[in-house]
Amino acid sequence: MKKNLFYLFLSLFVLVFGQIYEHFSHGVYSNYMIFAFLFPLLGLFLPNFLLRLLPKKGAEKSKGNTGEKERFSGSVTGEKTFSFWKWGIATLTVGSLYKGILEIYGTSSHLELSYLIVGCGFCLLGCILFFTGVKREENISTSQRKAAP
């Protein structure tokens, strides 16, 4: 829940930053600056919120000496692959703010495209690692079930 609030406040910060920056830009506006808050909102807050609503796969109940407890399989795909996704969203957000600042000043740069390429690359890598990791984790858990008596 803390992460959801952090991602929501991050989106609000980018929104307020963009609005304040455009307020002092003497009537010049940029859509990249206005909509930069959507990257953290739709890329971090919404997926994390939806993943928290889904039931966890691989939840098994086991009885031990301490009583009944839930055991979840260790996830390589969790935070490590989500980090690539977060880096991609951060790069896209900063790139959007950068492009917005340049549009407000009336200039352009060849670096604008690099933010898009690197950000999308990190997001794509995070998605690939997440989905291949989930498949690998399911194969491990099914092979462990077969080995169990």
Protein backbone atom coordinates (compact mmCIF):
# COMPACT_ATOMS: atom_id res chain seq x y z
CA MET A 1 0.00 0.00 0.00
CA LYS A 2 2.92 2.35 0.69
CA LYS A 3 4.20 1.92 -2.85
CA ASN A 4 0.79 2.74 -4.28
CA LEU A 5 0.67 5.98 -2.30
CA PHE A 6 4.24 6.82 -3.30
CA TYR A 7 3.44 6.29 -6.99
CA LEU A 8 0.28 8.37 -6.68
CA PHE A 9 2.14 11.24 -4.98
CA LEU A 10 4.90 10.97 -7.58
CA SER A 11 2.30 11.42 -10.31
CA LEU A 12 0.80 14.37 -8.48
CA PHE A 13 4.26 15.92 -8.05
CA VAL A 14 4.95 15.67 -11.79
CA LEU A 15 1.50 17.15 -12.50
CA VAL A 16 2.05 20.08 -10.12
CA PHE A 17 5.60 20.61 -11.42
CA GLY A 18 4.33 20.78 -14.99
CA GLN A 19 1.53 23.18 -14.08
CA ILE A 20 3.84 25.51 -12.14
CA TYR A 21 6.44 25.44 -14.92
CA GLU A 22 3.84 26.31 -17.53
CA HIS A 23 2.34 29.02 -15.34
CA PHE A 24 5.64 30.89 -15.51
CA SER A 25 6.21 30.19 -19.21
CA HIS A 26 4.36 33.34 -20.37
CA GLY A 27 1.49 31.59 -22.12
CA VAL A 28 3.54 28.97 -23.97
CA TYR A 29 2.30 25.43 -23.39
CA SER A 30 3.56 21.97 -24.25
CA ASN A 31 1.51 18.79 -24.31
CA TYR A 32 4.61 16.85 -23.28
CA MET A 33 4.76 18.90 -20.09
CA ILE A 34 1.01 18.77 -19.44
CA PHE A 35 0.69 15.00 -19.82
CA ALA A 36 4.04 13.91 -18.32
CA PHE A 37 2.23 12.85 -15.12
CA LEU A 38 0.48 10.07 -17.04
CA PHE A 39 3.68 8.00 -17.27
CA PRO A 40 3.99 7.40 -13.51
CA LEU A 41 0.22 7.26 -13.05
CA LEU A 42 -0.51 4.70 -15.77
CA GLY A 43 2.87 2.99 -15.69
CA LEU A 44 3.49 2.64 -11.96
CA PHE A 45 0.40 3.37 -9.86
CA LEU A 46 -2.21 1.57 -11.96
CA PRO A 47 -0.29 -1.69 -12.61
CA ASN A 48 0.85 -1.92 -8.99
CA PHE A 49 -2.71 -1.27 -7.80
CA LEU A 50 -4.13 -3.93 -10.14
CA LEU A 51 -1.46 -6.49 -9.20
CA ARG A 52 -2.32 -6.03 -5.54
CA LEU A 53 -5.96 -6.83 -6.27
CA LEU A 54 -5.14 -10.14 -7.96
CA PRO A 55 -4.76 -13.22 -5.77
CA LYS A 56 -1.18 -14.45 -5.51
CA LYS A 57 -0.39 -17.53 -7.57
CA GLY A 58 1.44 -20.40 -5.99
CA ALA A 59 0.06 -19.74 -2.54
CA GLU A 60 0.27 -22.98 -0.64
CA LYS A 61 -0.69 -23.67 2.91
CA SER A 62 1.64 -25.79 4.92
CA LYS A 63 1.51 -26.87 8.51
CA GLY A 64 4.71 -26.59 10.44
CA ASN A 65 5.73 -26.61 14.05
CA THR A 66 4.56 -23.04 14.46
CA GLY A 67 1.08 -23.75 13.13
CA GLU A 68 -0.47 -22.94 9.81
CA LYS A 69 1.25 -20.36 7.68
CA GLU A 70 1.17 -19.24 4.08
CA ARG A 71 4.21 -19.92 1.97
CA PHE A 72 4.79 -18.12 -1.28
CA SER A 73 7.42 -19.24 -3.74
CA GLY A 74 10.37 -16.87 -3.92
CA SER A 75 9.99 -14.61 -6.90
CA VAL A 76 12.93 -13.67 -9.05
CA THR A 77 10.44 -11.88 -11.26
CA GLY A 78 9.15 -9.58 -8.55
CA GLU A 79 11.16 -6.52 -7.63
CA LYS A 80 14.18 -7.16 -9.85
CA THR A 81 12.26 -7.18 -13.11
CA PHE A 82 9.88 -4.49 -11.91
CA SER A 83 12.99 -2.33 -11.48
CA PHE A 84 13.55 -2.36 -15.24
CA TRP A 85 9.95 -1.29 -15.71
CA LYS A 86 10.39 1.52 -13.15
CA TRP A 87 13.58 2.70 -14.86
CA GLY A 88 11.72 2.79 -18.16
CA ILE A 89 8.84 4.80 -16.73
CA ALA A 90 11.28 7.20 -15.04
CA THR A 91 13.17 7.67 -18.32
CA LEU A 92 9.96 8.30 -20.25
CA THR A 93 8.77 10.79 -17.61
CA VAL A 94 12.04 12.72 -17.58
CA GLY A 95 12.14 12.62 -21.37
CA SER A 96 8.64 14.02 -21.58
CA LEU A 97 9.52 16.83 -19.17
CA TYR A 98 12.71 17.52 -21.13
CA LYS A 99 10.83 17.63 -24.44
CA GLY A 100 8.23 19.92 -22.84
CA ILE A 101 10.89 22.31 -21.57
CA LEU A 102 12.51 22.44 -24.99
CA GLU A 103 9.16 23.07 -26.68
CA ILE A 104 8.38 25.89 -24.27
CA TYR A 105 11.74 27.49 -25.05
CA GLY A 106 11.15 26.95 -28.77
CA THR A 107 14.18 24.75 -29.40
CA SER A 108 14.83 21.10 -30.12
CA SER A 109 17.59 18.59 -29.54
CA HIS A 110 18.71 15.28 -30.98
CA LEU A 111 18.61 13.77 -27.47
CA GLU A 112 14.81 13.76 -27.35
CA LEU A 113 14.57 10.50 -29.27
CA SER A 114 17.12 8.78 -27.02
CA TYR A 115 14.84 9.17 -23.98
CA LEU A 116 12.04 7.45 -25.88
CA ILE A 117 14.24 4.60 -27.12
CA VAL A 118 15.91 3.94 -23.76
CA GLY A 119 12.64 4.25 -21.81
CA CYS A 120 10.76 1.89 -24.13
CA GLY A 121 13.73 -0.49 -24.10
CA PHE A 122 13.74 -0.70 -20.31
CA CYS A 123 9.97 -1.21 -20.23
CA LEU A 124 10.18 -3.92 -22.89
CA LEU A 125 13.01 -5.65 -21.05
CA GLY A 126 11.03 -5.54 -17.82
CA CYS A 127 7.99 -7.08 -19.54
CA ILE A 128 10.05 -9.82 -21.18
CA LEU A 129 11.79 -10.73 -17.92
CA PHE A 130 8.52 -10.63 -16.01
CA PHE A 131 6.64 -12.96 -18.34
CA THR A 132 9.50 -15.39 -18.94
CA GLY A 133 10.22 -15.44 -15.21
CA VAL A 134 6.59 -16.26 -14.40
CA LYS A 135 6.66 -19.12 -16.89
CA ARG A 136 9.93 -20.43 -15.43
CA GLU A 137 8.53 -20.14 -11.90
CA GLU A 138 5.39 -22.10 -12.87
CA ASN A 139 7.53 -24.86 -14.41
CA ILE A 140 9.61 -25.07 -11.23
CA SER A 141 6.54 -25.30 -9.02
CA THR A 142 4.93 -28.02 -11.18
CA SER A 143 8.14 -30.06 -11.17
CA GLN A 144 8.34 -29.69 -7.39
CA ARG A 145 4.75 -30.94 -7.08
CA LYS A 146 5.58 -34.03 -9.16
CA ALA A 147 8.58 -34.78 -6.97
CA ALA A 148 6.55 -34.48 -3.77
CA PRO A 149 4.97 -37.76 -2.53
